[in-house]
Amino acid sequence: MEDYLDPRNAEGMPSLADSAFAMDFLLTIKNGIRNYGFAITETANPELRRIFHKQMEAAIDLHTEIADLMIKKGWLHPHNFKEQYPVDMKAAETAVQIAQLNLYPNDTDRQGMFATPNQ
């Protein structure tokens, strides 16, 4: 990928973006579950402890829902390393390619590359 404005380089990006957003969401939920567990053990108030426990259970349910969606879409293979490895490699390669892009090219003239209205 040499030119991030070239429409050919956008092929497959929506799926990659969706899977990246889903993974970020899944990891954020997992972090929240861990934090709820910590908060429960640090709270002396029984009512607050019940509230945290209820919120943690909701977060666990949400984690299951997102993980199931990701498995269904083929973005996550938690029990099969041989299937997960290519998914992770593709994500890593894309991240490296994006990091290597020249985001401020000298020539930014894109006239003729995209459909433009009649003037």
Protein backbone atom coordinates (compact mmCIF):
# COMPACT_ATOMS: atom_id res chain seq x y z
CA MET A 1 0.00 0.00 0.00
CA GLU A 2 1.71 3.14 -1.19
CA ASP A 3 -1.12 5.64 -1.54
CA TYR A 4 -3.78 5.80 1.13
CA LEU A 5 -6.03 7.94 -1.07
CA ASP A 6 -6.12 5.37 -3.87
CA PRO A 7 -9.55 3.71 -3.74
CA ARG A 8 -7.98 0.30 -4.47
CA ASN A 9 -6.41 0.36 -1.02
CA ALA A 10 -9.81 0.64 0.66
CA GLU A 11 -10.82 -2.86 -0.46
CA GLY A 12 -11.58 -4.98 2.58
CA MET A 13 -11.12 -2.07 4.99
CA PRO A 14 -14.73 -1.98 6.29
CA SER A 15 -14.45 -5.61 7.44
CA LEU A 16 -11.02 -5.01 8.97
CA ALA A 17 -12.29 -1.90 10.73
CA ASP A 18 -15.39 -3.71 12.02
CA SER A 19 -13.31 -6.56 13.41
CA ALA A 20 -10.86 -4.12 15.01
CA PHE A 21 -13.68 -2.15 16.64
CA ALA A 22 -15.29 -5.35 17.88
CA MET A 23 -11.99 -6.59 19.35
CA ASP A 24 -11.40 -3.26 21.07
CA PHE A 25 -14.93 -3.38 22.47
CA LEU A 26 -14.42 -6.97 23.66
CA LEU A 27 -11.17 -6.07 25.43
CA THR A 28 -12.74 -2.99 27.01
CA ILE A 29 -15.60 -5.10 28.36
CA LYS A 30 -13.09 -7.64 29.71
CA ASN A 31 -11.23 -4.84 31.48
CA GLY A 32 -14.50 -3.60 32.95
CA ILE A 33 -15.31 -7.08 34.27
CA ARG A 34 -11.92 -7.20 35.96
CA ASN A 35 -12.50 -3.77 37.47
CA TYR A 36 -15.94 -4.78 38.78
CA GLY A 37 -14.38 -7.83 40.43
CA PHE A 38 -11.78 -5.62 42.06
CA ALA A 39 -14.42 -3.09 43.18
CA ILE A 40 -16.55 -5.84 44.72
CA THR A 41 -13.64 -7.01 46.88
CA GLU A 42 -12.82 -3.44 47.96
CA THR A 43 -16.35 -2.36 48.84
CA ALA A 44 -17.65 -2.69 52.40
CA ASN A 45 -21.22 -1.61 51.65
CA PRO A 46 -23.39 -4.70 50.91
CA GLU A 47 -25.83 -2.77 48.71
CA LEU A 48 -23.01 -1.32 46.60
CA ARG A 49 -21.49 -4.79 46.38
CA ARG A 50 -24.79 -6.15 45.00
CA ILE A 51 -24.94 -3.30 42.46
CA PHE A 52 -21.39 -3.99 41.28
CA HIS A 53 -22.15 -7.70 41.06
CA LYS A 54 -25.26 -7.04 38.95
CA GLN A 55 -23.30 -4.72 36.64
CA MET A 56 -20.51 -7.30 36.36
CA GLU A 57 -23.02 -9.98 35.35
CA ALA A 58 -24.41 -7.64 32.66
CA ALA A 59 -20.87 -7.02 31.41
CA ILE A 60 -20.21 -10.77 31.28
CA ASP A 61 -23.39 -11.23 29.24
CA LEU A 62 -22.30 -8.44 26.88
CA HIS A 63 -18.84 -10.02 26.55
CA THR A 64 -20.49 -13.32 25.58
CA GLU A 65 -22.71 -11.57 23.04
CA ILE A 66 -19.81 -9.72 21.38
CA ALA A 67 -17.56 -12.81 21.42
CA ASP A 68 -20.32 -14.90 19.83
CA LEU A 69 -20.81 -12.26 17.12
CA MET A 70 -17.08 -12.18 16.41
CA ILE A 71 -16.92 -15.97 16.20
CA LYS A 72 -19.92 -16.01 13.85
CA LYS A 73 -18.28 -13.37 11.61
CA GLY A 74 -14.96 -15.26 11.58
CA TRP A 75 -13.09 -12.49 13.41
CA LEU A 76 -12.33 -14.58 16.48
CA HIS A 77 -11.33 -18.22 16.83
CA PRO A 78 -10.72 -18.64 20.57
CA HIS A 79 -10.35 -22.42 20.45
CA ASN A 80 -8.44 -22.83 17.20
CA PHE A 81 -5.01 -21.24 17.00
CA LYS A 82 -4.50 -22.36 13.40
CA GLU A 83 -7.55 -20.35 12.33
CA GLN A 84 -6.85 -17.35 14.59
CA TYR A 85 -3.22 -16.92 13.53
CA PRO A 86 -3.97 -15.76 9.93
CA VAL A 87 -6.59 -13.32 11.23
CA ASP A 88 -4.10 -11.79 13.66
CA MET A 89 -1.33 -11.72 11.03
CA LYS A 90 -3.58 -9.89 8.53
CA ALA A 91 -4.47 -7.31 11.20
CA ALA A 92 -0.81 -6.85 12.14
CA GLU A 93 0.31 -6.54 8.50
CA THR A 94 -2.39 -3.97 7.80
CA ALA A 95 -1.42 -1.97 10.89
CA VAL A 96 2.23 -1.95 9.78
CA GLN A 97 1.25 -0.89 6.24
CA ILE A 98 -0.89 1.95 7.59
CA ALA A 99 1.93 3.05 9.92
CA GLN A 100 4.34 3.21 6.97
CA LEU A 101 2.07 5.39 4.82
CA ASN A 102 3.21 8.87 3.93
CA LEU A 103 0.23 10.77 5.26
CA TYR A 104 1.54 14.09 3.98
CA PRO A 105 2.60 13.46 0.36
CA ASN A 106 4.09 16.30 -1.65
CA ASP A 107 1.69 15.73 -4.52
CA THR A 108 -1.89 15.81 -3.29
CA ASP A 109 -3.49 16.41 -6.69
CA ARG A 110 -6.15 13.74 -7.11
CA GLN A 111 -7.85 15.23 -10.13
CA GLY A 112 -9.05 12.50 -12.44
CA MET A 113 -8.86 9.70 -9.84
CA PHE A 114 -12.42 10.08 -8.63
CA ALA A 115 -15.65 10.88 -10.36
CA THR A 116 -16.11 14.63 -10.30
CA PRO A 117 -19.25 16.58 -11.16
CA ASN A 118 -19.38 18.47 -14.43
CA GLN A 119 -18.20 22.02 -14.03
